[in-house]
């Protein structure tokens, strides 16, 4: 029962928290990635996941981490985004990785275009007083890509083994 609660709540709740944190602060805490990693291993152990399946999921995470590290080094994404993407890949494994990355790319592109459009509009006075909105509205500001990563993960999560085991 506790295992089912973890399957149903931990990953989605952390994804939602990462997205909202990125939206409001433009940061994703290292704790989120660490809890995702710890939660994966705890759930893998409790569910009886085979060592070869665990290694496959770890391989997916390291593959994503290697690519996102390059993106981070070039200044294309933030460090929190790179760690969140890798921790998400750990949960999804290679089985869902391609679809996750495709959705993340599409959602990220739409989010980026929306941010560009938003930044070209004048802010209403009521919104101009909010620090987080002013930060998002800055022309030289980044894109809270954690939103796209989280939305992609939440879209795919119901199709994963984790959810199939819960029902």
Protein backbone atom coordinates (compact mmCIF):
# COMPACT_ATOMS: atom_id res chain seq x y z
CA UNK A 1 0.00 0.00 0.00
CA UNK A 2 2.80 2.44 0.84
CA UNK A 3 4.58 1.41 -2.35
CA UNK A 4 1.45 2.20 -4.37
CA UNK A 5 1.15 5.60 -2.70
CA UNK A 6 4.77 6.36 -3.62
CA UNK A 7 4.15 5.25 -7.22
CA UNK A 8 1.06 7.41 -7.49
CA UNK A 9 2.26 10.54 -5.69
CA UNK A 10 6.03 11.01 -5.46
CA UNK A 11 6.98 11.44 -9.09
CA UNK A 12 3.96 13.57 -10.13
CA UNK A 13 4.20 15.78 -7.05
CA UNK A 14 7.91 16.42 -7.57
CA UNK A 15 7.38 17.18 -11.25
CA UNK A 16 4.65 19.69 -10.40
CA UNK A 17 6.86 21.25 -7.72
CA UNK A 18 9.82 21.50 -10.12
CA UNK A 19 7.67 23.21 -12.76
CA UNK A 20 6.20 25.71 -10.31
CA UNK A 21 9.59 26.39 -8.74
CA UNK A 22 11.09 27.08 -12.15
CA UNK A 23 8.18 29.35 -13.08
CA UNK A 24 8.33 31.44 -9.91
CA UNK A 25 12.08 31.47 -9.18
CA UNK A 26 13.84 30.28 -12.38
CA UNK A 27 15.59 27.63 -10.27
CA UNK A 28 15.07 23.93 -9.67
CA UNK A 29 16.48 22.79 -6.36
CA UNK A 30 19.05 20.00 -6.27
CA UNK A 31 16.85 18.40 -3.62
CA UNK A 32 14.19 17.64 -6.22
CA UNK A 33 16.61 15.63 -8.33
CA UNK A 34 18.04 13.92 -5.27
CA UNK A 35 14.60 12.93 -3.98
CA UNK A 36 13.68 11.64 -7.44
CA UNK A 37 16.84 9.52 -7.57
CA UNK A 38 16.36 8.21 -4.03
CA UNK A 39 12.68 7.57 -4.67
CA UNK A 40 13.46 5.62 -7.82
CA UNK A 41 15.90 3.31 -6.07
CA UNK A 42 13.59 2.81 -3.09
CA UNK A 43 10.67 2.02 -5.36
CA UNK A 44 12.76 -0.22 -7.61
CA UNK A 45 13.87 -2.20 -4.57
CA UNK A 46 10.37 -2.36 -3.06
CA UNK A 47 8.86 -3.40 -6.40
CA UNK A 48 11.43 -6.12 -7.01
CA UNK A 49 12.82 -4.55 -10.18
CA UNK A 50 15.54 -6.74 -11.65
CA UNK A 51 19.14 -5.51 -11.48
CA UNK A 52 19.34 -5.44 -15.29
CA UNK A 53 16.24 -3.22 -15.47
CA UNK A 54 17.70 -0.92 -12.81
CA UNK A 55 20.93 -0.67 -14.82
CA UNK A 56 18.94 0.12 -17.95
CA UNK A 57 17.17 2.97 -16.18
CA UNK A 58 20.51 4.22 -14.82
CA UNK A 59 21.90 4.08 -18.36
CA UNK A 60 19.03 6.24 -19.60
CA UNK A 61 19.71 8.76 -16.83
CA UNK A 62 23.44 8.94 -17.58
CA UNK A 63 22.78 9.29 -21.30
CA UNK A 64 20.49 12.26 -20.68
CA UNK A 65 22.89 13.73 -18.11
CA UNK A 66 25.78 13.58 -20.59
CA UNK A 67 23.81 15.38 -23.30
CA UNK A 68 22.28 17.94 -20.96
CA UNK A 69 25.69 18.62 -19.41
CA UNK A 70 26.90 19.70 -22.85
CA UNK A 71 23.78 21.87 -23.24
CA UNK A 72 24.43 23.41 -19.82
CA UNK A 73 28.11 24.03 -20.64
CA UNK A 74 27.06 25.91 -23.78
CA UNK A 75 24.54 27.98 -21.81
CA UNK A 76 21.51 26.55 -23.61
CA UNK A 77 19.81 25.23 -20.45
CA UNK A 78 20.17 25.68 -16.72
CA UNK A 79 21.82 23.20 -14.40
CA UNK A 80 18.53 22.44 -12.66
CA UNK A 81 16.95 21.58 -16.00
CA UNK A 82 19.81 19.19 -16.80
CA UNK A 83 19.52 17.42 -13.45
CA UNK A 84 15.72 17.26 -13.64
CA UNK A 85 15.84 15.76 -17.14
CA UNK A 86 18.35 13.12 -16.03
CA UNK A 87 16.38 12.23 -12.88
CA UNK A 88 13.23 11.99 -14.98
CA UNK A 89 14.99 9.69 -17.45
CA UNK A 90 15.93 7.48 -14.50
CA UNK A 91 12.23 6.97 -13.73
CA UNK A 92 11.18 6.56 -17.36
CA UNK A 93 14.03 4.40 -18.65
CA UNK A 94 14.88 3.83 -22.30
CA UNK A 95 11.36 2.50 -22.97
CA UNK A 96 9.87 5.99 -22.73
CA UNK A 97 12.93 8.16 -23.26
CA UNK A 98 12.42 8.97 -26.94
CA UNK A 99 8.81 10.02 -26.45
CA UNK A 100 9.76 12.04 -23.36
CA UNK A 101 12.47 13.92 -25.23
CA UNK A 102 10.18 14.50 -28.20
CA UNK A 103 7.42 15.93 -25.99
CA UNK A 104 9.94 17.99 -24.01
CA UNK A 105 11.27 19.46 -27.26
CA UNK A 106 7.80 20.30 -28.56
CA UNK A 107 6.57 21.72 -25.23
CA UNK A 108 9.84 23.59 -24.79
CA UNK A 109 9.55 25.14 -28.24
CA UNK A 110 5.95 26.21 -27.61
CA UNK A 111 6.94 27.58 -24.19
CA UNK A 112 9.84 29.52 -25.72
CA UNK A 113 7.61 31.03 -28.41
CA UNK A 114 5.03 31.94 -25.76
CA UNK A 115 7.75 33.59 -23.65
CA UNK A 116 8.96 35.60 -26.63
CA UNK A 117 5.41 36.77 -27.34
CA UNK A 118 4.83 37.54 -23.64
CA UNK A 119 8.01 39.61 -23.49
CA UNK A 120 6.93 41.72 -26.45
CA UNK A 121 3.64 42.71 -24.79
CA UNK A 122 3.45 45.54 -22.26
CA UNK A 123 2.71 44.36 -18.75
CA UNK A 124 -0.52 45.52 -17.13
CA UNK A 125 0.13 47.58 -14.01
CA UNK A 126 -1.25 44.91 -11.69
CA UNK A 127 1.18 42.31 -13.05
CA UNK A 128 4.15 44.66 -13.25
CA UNK A 129 4.33 44.72 -9.46
CA UNK A 130 4.98 40.97 -9.18
CA UNK A 131 8.72 40.19 -9.02
CA UNK A 132 8.41 36.75 -10.62
CA UNK A 133 6.43 38.17 -13.54
CA UNK A 134 8.94 40.98 -14.02
CA UNK A 135 11.71 38.36 -14.09
CA UNK A 136 9.86 36.35 -16.74
CA UNK A 137 9.16 39.49 -18.76
CA UNK A 138 12.78 40.60 -19.02
CA UNK A 139 13.97 40.41 -22.63
CA UNK A 140 17.30 38.92 -21.55
CA UNK A 141 15.68 36.39 -19.20
CA UNK A 142 15.75 32.66 -19.60
CA UNK A 143 12.93 30.24 -20.24
CA UNK A 144 11.61 28.16 -17.33
CA UNK A 145 12.19 24.93 -19.26
CA UNK A 146 11.40 22.86 -16.17
CA UNK A 147 7.76 23.45 -17.06
CA UNK A 148 8.19 21.65 -20.38
CA UNK A 149 10.21 18.85 -18.78
CA UNK A 150 7.61 18.31 -16.08
CA UNK A 151 4.65 18.48 -18.45
CA UNK A 152 6.29 15.91 -20.73
CA UNK A 153 7.04 13.59 -17.83
CA UNK A 154 3.51 13.85 -16.46
CA UNK A 155 2.06 13.12 -19.88
CA UNK A 156 4.10 9.93 -20.21
CA UNK A 157 4.02 8.71 -16.60
CA UNK A 158 0.60 6.98 -16.82
CA UNK A 159 2.03 4.67 -19.52
CA UNK A 160 5.04 3.59 -17.46
CA UNK A 161 5.56 0.34 -15.61
CA UNK A 162 5.25 2.23 -12.35
CA UNK A 163 1.62 3.06 -12.99
CA UNK A 164 0.80 -0.33 -14.48
CA UNK A 165 2.05 -1.98 -11.29
CA UNK A 166 -0.20 0.23 -9.18
CA UNK A 167 -3.38 -0.95 -10.90
